[in-house]
Amino acid sequence: MTTRTSLDHPTTTTRRAGARTLLLGLAVALLSASMFGTAGAVGKSLLLQGWTPGAAVAARVALGALVLAAPAAVAMRGRWHLLRRPITWIHTGLFGLVAVAGCQLFYFLAVERLSVGVALMLEYLGPILVVGWLWARHGQRPRPLTIGGVVLAIAGLLLVLDVLGDVQLSAVGVMWGLLAAVGLAVFFVVGADDASGLPPTAFAAMGMTIGAVALALAGVLGVVPMGISTQDVLLAGLDAPWWVPVLWLGLVAAAGAYLTGIVAARMLGAKVSSFVGLAEVMFAVLFAWLLLAEMPAPVQLVGGVLIVAGVAAIKADERESGLPVGTYEVEPLPDVADDTTPIR
């Protein structure tokens, strides 16, 4: 009688390896989402001590670009000729100016006046704007599931704004949050177009570099106020030196989040990693509560759940129809076989 081992069953071995890859990929994807989710709370700790949103965003973007420079250079081996193409600079320029610098600046301006959770909930309306853009620009009429997702997201927005309740929100803060949604929508549209041919790490590094340079120039010209403070910040009830949140924003909430996102996407594929990326909203609310003792009202939390559910419905419909709505930030990334789709 012959004893059968796993060597006799390559399919079983493959399945086990696939299951391990899936579990590890999910863990890495959640780690990436949690890293992105810390940005609002950590950044707000600086704003509360006198930092301007422009300075906080510039520090995050510049440090992130610096850390990604080496991996980007490695990824560009044999592809440097792509930098001679005008489309490369058009796409990275839009990505850096609007999807990176603009989106993050507007988000931090919103965080300055709203709770972290509410600001991110408003930003996550970006996919709804993409649906409208694709319909108006390309004639891609939304399907029933997408329409249902839009309705859910709009209902969630009304709850987040608490239009019939007693929660008072800053109108200016809401405006900044909606502008952040526009920046996120631009990210989705530009991210879905891989005409530049750049690998994702290089695309992200170039975009962040362009965004950092633009913010620095805007600060020098006085267009974007730049102010910093060396006072200690308060995180989780403890005093911390100002450079701790600055390094965290650049190393963890920018570079680390992007790199782990790339690893997760290559293990899971774009579809699964996109949905896991929605956990950023949950992590943002959690870290705001842990680090700043800040929590949205219950009705706003319900609204946030509806917004995330609406975005998930749109993403599900996108995958079923085969029509790319965009890639996710928080962050949806390329499949193993496709190393050209950029990330947020």
Protein backbone atom coordinates (compact mmCIF):
# COMPACT_ATOMS: atom_id res chain seq x y z
CA MET A 1 0.00 0.00 0.00
CA THR A 2 1.40 3.36 -1.04
CA THR A 3 1.18 6.29 1.33
CA ARG A 4 -0.01 9.38 -0.51
CA THR A 5 1.57 12.68 0.44
CA SER A 6 1.04 16.25 -0.59
CA LEU A 7 3.70 15.66 -3.25
CA ASP A 8 1.21 13.38 -5.00
CA HIS A 9 -1.34 16.17 -5.06
CA PRO A 10 0.15 19.31 -6.62
CA THR A 11 -3.32 20.85 -6.76
CA THR A 12 -3.70 20.56 -2.99
CA THR A 13 -0.27 22.08 -2.43
CA THR A 14 -1.10 24.92 -4.80
CA ARG A 15 -4.36 25.59 -3.00
CA ARG A 16 -2.64 25.71 0.37
CA ALA A 17 -0.02 28.09 -0.98
CA GLY A 18 -2.77 30.21 -2.49
CA ALA A 19 -4.63 30.31 0.82
CA ARG A 20 -1.48 31.39 2.65
CA THR A 21 -0.87 34.09 0.04
CA LEU A 22 -4.46 35.28 0.39
CA LEU A 23 -4.27 35.52 4.18
CA LEU A 24 -0.88 37.24 4.10
CA GLY A 25 -2.10 39.58 1.37
CA LEU A 26 -5.18 40.51 3.39
CA ALA A 27 -2.99 41.24 6.41
CA VAL A 28 -0.67 43.46 4.36
CA ALA A 29 -3.64 45.22 2.74
CA LEU A 30 -5.16 45.96 6.14
CA LEU A 31 -1.77 47.22 7.32
CA SER A 32 -1.65 49.57 4.33
CA ALA A 33 -5.18 50.84 4.97
CA SER A 34 -4.36 51.39 8.64
CA MET A 35 -1.24 53.37 7.70
CA PHE A 36 -3.24 55.62 5.39
CA GLY A 37 -5.88 55.92 8.11
CA THR A 38 -3.40 57.48 10.55
CA ALA A 39 -2.76 60.53 8.35
CA GLY A 40 -5.76 62.56 9.49
CA ALA A 41 -5.30 62.13 13.23
CA VAL A 42 -1.51 62.51 13.19
CA GLY A 43 -1.71 65.50 10.87
CA LYS A 44 -4.36 67.18 12.99
CA SER A 45 -2.10 66.94 16.04
CA LEU A 46 0.28 69.26 14.17
CA LEU A 47 -2.52 71.60 13.09
CA LEU A 48 -3.66 71.98 16.69
CA GLN A 49 -0.17 73.23 17.62
CA GLY A 50 0.08 75.89 14.93
CA TRP A 51 1.13 74.04 11.79
CA THR A 52 -0.69 75.14 8.67
CA PRO A 53 -2.30 72.47 6.47
CA GLY A 54 0.07 73.44 3.65
CA ALA A 55 3.17 72.83 5.77
CA ALA A 56 1.89 69.51 7.11
CA VAL A 57 1.00 68.23 3.63
CA ALA A 58 4.29 69.46 2.15
CA ALA A 59 6.25 67.61 4.84
CA ARG A 60 4.28 64.41 4.28
CA VAL A 61 4.57 64.51 0.49
CA ALA A 62 8.25 65.51 0.42
CA LEU A 63 9.34 62.84 2.90
CA GLY A 64 7.25 60.23 1.11
CA ALA A 65 8.81 61.13 -2.23
CA LEU A 66 12.30 60.97 -0.72
CA VAL A 67 11.75 57.49 0.69
CA LEU A 68 10.21 56.22 -2.57
CA ALA A 69 13.04 57.63 -4.70
CA ALA A 70 15.30 54.57 -4.44
CA PRO A 71 12.59 51.94 -5.12
CA ALA A 72 11.36 54.10 -8.00
CA ALA A 73 14.84 54.26 -9.53
CA VAL A 74 15.10 50.46 -9.37
CA ALA A 75 11.66 50.07 -10.98
CA MET A 76 12.66 52.44 -13.79
CA ARG A 77 15.61 50.34 -14.96
CA GLY A 78 15.25 49.92 -18.68
CA ARG A 79 12.33 52.36 -18.76
CA TRP A 80 13.98 55.76 -18.50
CA HIS A 81 13.04 56.48 -22.10
CA LEU A 82 9.43 56.82 -20.94
CA LEU A 83 10.34 60.20 -19.42
CA ARG A 84 10.78 61.60 -22.92
CA ARG A 85 7.09 61.13 -23.67
CA PRO A 86 4.83 64.19 -23.14
CA ILE A 87 1.98 61.97 -21.90
CA THR A 88 4.18 60.86 -19.00
CA TRP A 89 4.56 64.41 -17.73
CA ILE A 90 0.91 65.26 -18.37
CA HIS A 91 -0.26 62.31 -16.29
CA THR A 92 2.29 62.64 -13.49
CA GLY A 93 1.66 66.39 -13.43
CA LEU A 94 -2.09 65.94 -12.99
CA PHE A 95 -1.47 63.22 -10.44
CA GLY A 96 1.02 65.26 -8.44
CA LEU A 97 -0.74 68.62 -8.58
CA VAL A 98 -4.36 67.57 -8.14
CA ALA A 99 -4.52 63.99 -6.84
CA VAL A 100 -1.60 64.31 -4.40
CA ALA A 101 -0.98 67.94 -3.43
CA GLY A 102 -4.50 69.23 -4.03
CA CYS A 103 -6.39 66.30 -2.56
CA GLN A 104 -4.25 66.08 0.58
CA LEU A 105 -4.18 69.84 1.09
CA PHE A 106 -7.97 70.06 0.81
CA TYR A 107 -8.33 67.09 3.16
CA PHE A 108 -6.09 68.68 5.80
CA LEU A 109 -7.93 71.99 5.40
CA ALA A 110 -11.16 70.06 6.05
CA VAL A 111 -9.62 68.28 9.05
CA GLU A 112 -8.73 71.70 10.46
CA ARG A 113 -12.46 72.48 10.76
CA LEU A 114 -14.16 69.08 10.92
CA SER A 115 -13.58 65.80 12.69
CA VAL A 116 -11.16 63.46 10.93
CA GLY A 117 -13.88 60.91 10.25
CA VAL A 118 -16.32 63.38 8.71
CA ALA A 119 -13.59 64.90 6.52
CA LEU A 120 -12.61 61.50 5.13
CA MET A 121 -16.25 60.51 4.60
CA LEU A 122 -16.68 63.61 2.43
CA GLU A 123 -13.51 62.82 0.50
CA TYR A 124 -14.77 59.33 -0.23
CA LEU A 125 -17.53 60.80 -2.35
CA GLY A 126 -14.88 60.98 -5.09
CA PRO A 127 -16.02 57.76 -6.82
CA ILE A 128 -19.50 59.25 -7.19
CA LEU A 129 -18.00 62.15 -9.12
CA VAL A 130 -16.15 59.67 -11.32
CA VAL A 131 -19.45 58.01 -12.25
CA GLY A 132 -20.80 61.39 -13.35
CA TRP A 133 -17.61 62.14 -15.30
CA LEU A 134 -17.68 58.84 -17.17
CA TRP A 135 -21.33 59.35 -18.04
CA ALA A 136 -20.88 62.93 -19.23
CA ARG A 137 -17.52 62.50 -20.96
CA HIS A 138 -17.62 58.95 -22.30
CA GLY A 139 -21.33 58.12 -22.37
CA GLN A 140 -20.91 55.25 -19.88
CA ARG A 141 -24.44 55.17 -18.49
CA PRO A 142 -24.41 53.80 -14.93
CA ARG A 143 -25.94 50.36 -14.41
CA PRO A 144 -28.54 49.63 -11.69
CA LEU A 145 -25.96 48.55 -9.10
CA THR A 146 -23.95 51.73 -9.67
CA ILE A 147 -27.10 53.85 -9.39
CA GLY A 148 -27.91 52.07 -6.14
CA GLY A 149 -24.40 52.82 -4.89
CA VAL A 150 -24.79 56.50 -5.76
CA VAL A 151 -28.12 56.65 -3.90
CA LEU A 152 -26.55 55.01 -0.84
CA ALA A 153 -23.61 57.42 -0.90
CA ILE A 154 -25.86 60.48 -1.24
CA ALA A 155 -28.03 59.24 1.63
CA GLY A 156 -24.85 58.74 3.64
CA LEU A 157 -23.72 62.27 2.81
CA LEU A 158 -27.00 63.69 4.10
CA LEU A 159 -26.51 61.78 7.36
CA VAL A 160 -22.87 62.87 7.67
CA LEU A 161 -23.96 66.49 7.21
CA ASP A 162 -26.88 65.79 9.59
CA VAL A 163 -29.07 68.17 7.58
CA LEU A 164 -32.12 67.49 9.76
CA GLY A 165 -30.32 67.19 13.09
CA ASP A 166 -28.50 69.28 15.66
CA VAL A 167 -24.91 68.64 14.57
CA GLN A 168 -23.31 71.91 13.50
CA LEU A 169 -20.67 71.62 10.79
CA SER A 170 -18.37 74.25 9.37
CA ALA A 171 -19.59 75.16 5.89
CA VAL A 172 -16.02 76.01 4.91
CA GLY A 173 -14.83 72.65 6.22
CA VAL A 174 -17.51 70.86 4.19
CA MET A 175 -16.40 72.80 1.11
CA TRP A 176 -12.79 71.68 1.61
CA GLY A 177 -13.93 68.10 2.12
CA LEU A 178 -15.89 68.15 -1.15
CA LEU A 179 -12.89 69.65 -2.96
CA ALA A 180 -10.83 66.76 -1.58
CA ALA A 181 -13.42 64.47 -3.18
CA VAL A 182 -12.76 66.21 -6.50
CA GLY A 183 -9.03 65.59 -6.03
CA LEU A 184 -9.73 61.94 -5.27
CA ALA A 185 -11.90 61.70 -8.38
CA VAL A 186 -9.05 63.07 -10.48
CA PHE A 187 -6.81 60.45 -8.91
CA PHE A 188 -9.19 57.71 -10.00
CA VAL A 189 -9.49 59.00 -13.56
CA VAL A 190 -5.75 59.56 -14.05
CA GLY A 191 -4.90 56.35 -12.21
CA ALA A 192 -7.09 54.29 -14.52
CA ASP A 193 -5.10 55.44 -17.57
CA ASP A 194 -1.75 53.67 -17.83
CA ALA A 195 -0.73 55.43 -21.05
CA SER A 196 2.45 56.68 -19.37
CA GLY A 197 3.75 53.12 -19.03
CA LEU A 198 5.44 53.95 -15.72
CA PRO A 199 5.56 51.27 -12.99
CA PRO A 200 3.38 52.19 -9.99
CA THR A 201 6.26 52.94 -7.61
CA ALA A 202 7.86 55.33 -10.08
CA PHE A 203 4.53 56.95 -10.91
CA ALA A 204 3.79 57.52 -7.22
CA ALA A 205 7.30 58.86 -6.55
CA MET A 206 7.17 61.25 -9.51
CA GLY A 207 3.70 62.43 -8.59
CA MET A 208 4.68 63.06 -4.98
CA THR A 209 7.84 64.87 -6.07
CA ILE A 210 5.86 67.15 -8.38
CA GLY A 211 3.33 67.73 -5.62
CA ALA A 212 6.05 68.58 -3.09
CA VAL A 213 7.75 71.02 -5.48
CA ALA A 214 4.41 72.67 -6.28
CA LEU A 215 3.55 73.07 -2.60
CA ALA A 216 7.00 74.50 -1.84
CA LEU A 217 6.68 76.98 -4.71
CA ALA A 218 3.18 77.95 -3.61
CA GLY A 219 4.52 78.53 -0.12
CA VAL A 220 7.39 80.72 -1.34
CA LEU A 221 4.98 82.79 -3.42
CA GLY A 222 2.59 83.12 -0.49
CA VAL A 223 -0.26 81.34 -2.27
CA VAL A 224 -0.39 78.58 0.35
CA PRO A 225 0.38 79.68 3.93
CA MET A 226 3.31 77.78 5.39
CA GLY A 227 3.72 77.82 9.13
CA ILE A 228 5.32 75.34 11.50
CA SER A 229 5.71 75.05 15.23
CA THR A 230 8.31 73.29 17.36
CA GLN A 231 5.91 72.88 20.28
CA ASP A 232 5.20 69.37 21.50
CA VAL A 233 2.04 67.76 20.19
CA LEU A 234 -0.56 65.78 22.12
CA LEU A 235 -1.16 62.22 20.91
CA ALA A 236 -3.19 59.70 22.89
CA GLY A 237 -2.96 62.00 25.91
CA LEU A 238 0.85 62.07 25.84
CA ASP A 239 3.24 64.84 24.81
CA ALA A 240 5.45 64.06 21.82
CA PRO A 241 8.12 66.11 20.00
CA TRP A 242 6.86 67.83 16.84
CA TRP A 243 9.14 65.77 14.62
CA VAL A 244 7.46 62.51 15.65
CA PRO A 245 4.21 63.20 13.75
CA VAL A 246 6.17 64.75 10.86
CA LEU A 247 8.27 61.60 10.43
CA TRP A 248 5.17 59.46 10.88
CA LEU A 249 3.34 61.29 8.10
CA GLY A 250 6.23 60.89 5.66
CA LEU A 251 7.54 57.44 6.53
CA VAL A 252 4.37 55.62 7.59
CA ALA A 253 1.31 57.46 6.22
CA ALA A 254 2.96 58.12 2.85
CA ALA A 255 5.91 55.91 1.87
CA GLY A 256 5.06 52.91 4.06
CA ALA A 257 1.39 52.98 3.13
CA TYR A 258 2.15 53.09 -0.59
CA LEU A 259 4.77 50.35 -0.49
CA THR A 260 2.66 47.94 1.56
CA GLY A 261 -0.24 48.73 -0.74
CA ILE A 262 1.82 47.68 -3.74
CA VAL A 263 2.81 44.42 -2.05
CA ALA A 264 -0.80 43.69 -1.08
CA ALA A 265 -2.13 44.36 -4.57
CA ARG A 266 0.39 42.03 -6.14
CA MET A 267 -0.64 39.30 -3.71
CA LEU A 268 -4.40 39.87 -3.93
CA GLY A 269 -4.98 41.52 -7.28
CA ALA A 270 -6.67 44.85 -7.83
CA LYS A 271 -10.24 43.73 -7.11
CA VAL A 272 -9.75 42.35 -3.60
CA SER A 273 -7.25 45.01 -2.56
CA SER A 274 -9.68 47.71 -3.71
CA PHE A 275 -12.37 46.52 -1.31
CA VAL A 276 -9.95 46.04 1.58
CA GLY A 277 -8.77 49.61 0.97
CA LEU A 278 -12.20 50.85 2.04
CA ALA A 279 -11.14 49.98 5.59
CA GLU A 280 -9.21 53.27 5.60
CA VAL A 281 -12.37 55.09 6.68
CA MET A 282 -12.79 52.76 9.65
CA PHE A 283 -9.14 53.11 10.63
CA ALA A 284 -9.28 56.91 10.30
CA VAL A 285 -12.19 57.09 12.74
CA LEU A 286 -10.48 54.61 15.08
CA PHE A 287 -7.16 56.49 15.18
CA ALA A 288 -8.93 59.83 15.61
CA TRP A 289 -10.64 58.37 18.66
CA LEU A 290 -7.46 56.81 20.07
CA LEU A 291 -5.08 59.70 19.38
CA LEU A 292 -7.35 62.75 19.61
CA ALA A 293 -10.37 61.49 21.59
CA GLU A 294 -12.44 62.58 18.60
CA MET A 295 -15.53 60.70 17.45
CA PRO A 296 -18.25 61.61 14.93
CA ALA A 297 -21.86 61.63 16.10
CA PRO A 298 -23.70 58.28 15.79
CA VAL A 299 -25.78 59.53 12.86
CA GLN A 300 -22.58 60.53 11.08
CA LEU A 301 -21.08 57.08 11.64
CA VAL A 302 -24.18 55.56 10.04
CA GLY A 303 -23.73 57.98 7.15
CA GLY A 304 -20.12 56.89 6.78
CA VAL A 305 -21.20 53.24 6.59
CA LEU A 306 -23.66 54.12 3.81
CA ILE A 307 -20.98 56.03 1.87
CA VAL A 308 -18.57 53.09 2.09
CA ALA A 309 -21.38 50.69 1.10
CA GLY A 310 -22.18 52.90 -1.88
CA VAL A 311 -18.56 52.99 -3.01
CA ALA A 312 -18.32 49.21 -2.58
CA ALA A 313 -21.42 48.76 -4.77
CA ILE A 314 -19.88 50.93 -7.48
CA LYS A 315 -16.63 48.97 -7.32
CA ALA A 316 -18.52 45.66 -7.54
CA ASP A 317 -20.46 46.89 -10.56
CA GLU A 318 -17.24 48.12 -12.16
CA ARG A 319 -15.65 44.67 -11.93
CA GLU A 320 -18.77 42.91 -13.24
CA SER A 321 -19.11 45.23 -16.23
CA GLY A 322 -15.40 45.31 -17.05
CA LEU A 323 -15.48 49.12 -17.23
CA PRO A 324 -12.67 50.64 -15.14
CA VAL A 325 -13.91 53.36 -12.85
CA GLY A 326 -10.47 53.91 -11.41
CA THR A 327 -7.96 52.57 -8.99
CA TYR A 328 -8.26 52.92 -5.23
CA GLU A 329 -5.92 55.10 -2.64
CA VAL A 330 -6.74 54.01 -0.07
CA GLU A 331 -5.28 52.06 -2.18
CA PRO A 332 -6.31 49.87 -5.07
CA LEU A 333 -3.36 48.61 -6.97
CA PRO A 334 -2.33 46.62 -10.03
CA ASP A 335 -2.61 42.87 -10.50
CA VAL A 336 0.57 40.80 -10.58
CA ALA A 337 0.49 40.73 -14.35
CA ASP A 338 0.04 44.48 -14.69
CA ASP A 339 2.77 46.67 -13.24
CA THR A 340 1.72 49.88 -14.97
CA THR A 341 -1.33 51.06 -13.04
CA PRO A 342 -0.49 53.88 -10.61
CA ILE A 343 -1.76 54.20 -7.09
CA ARG A 344 -2.92 56.96 -4.84
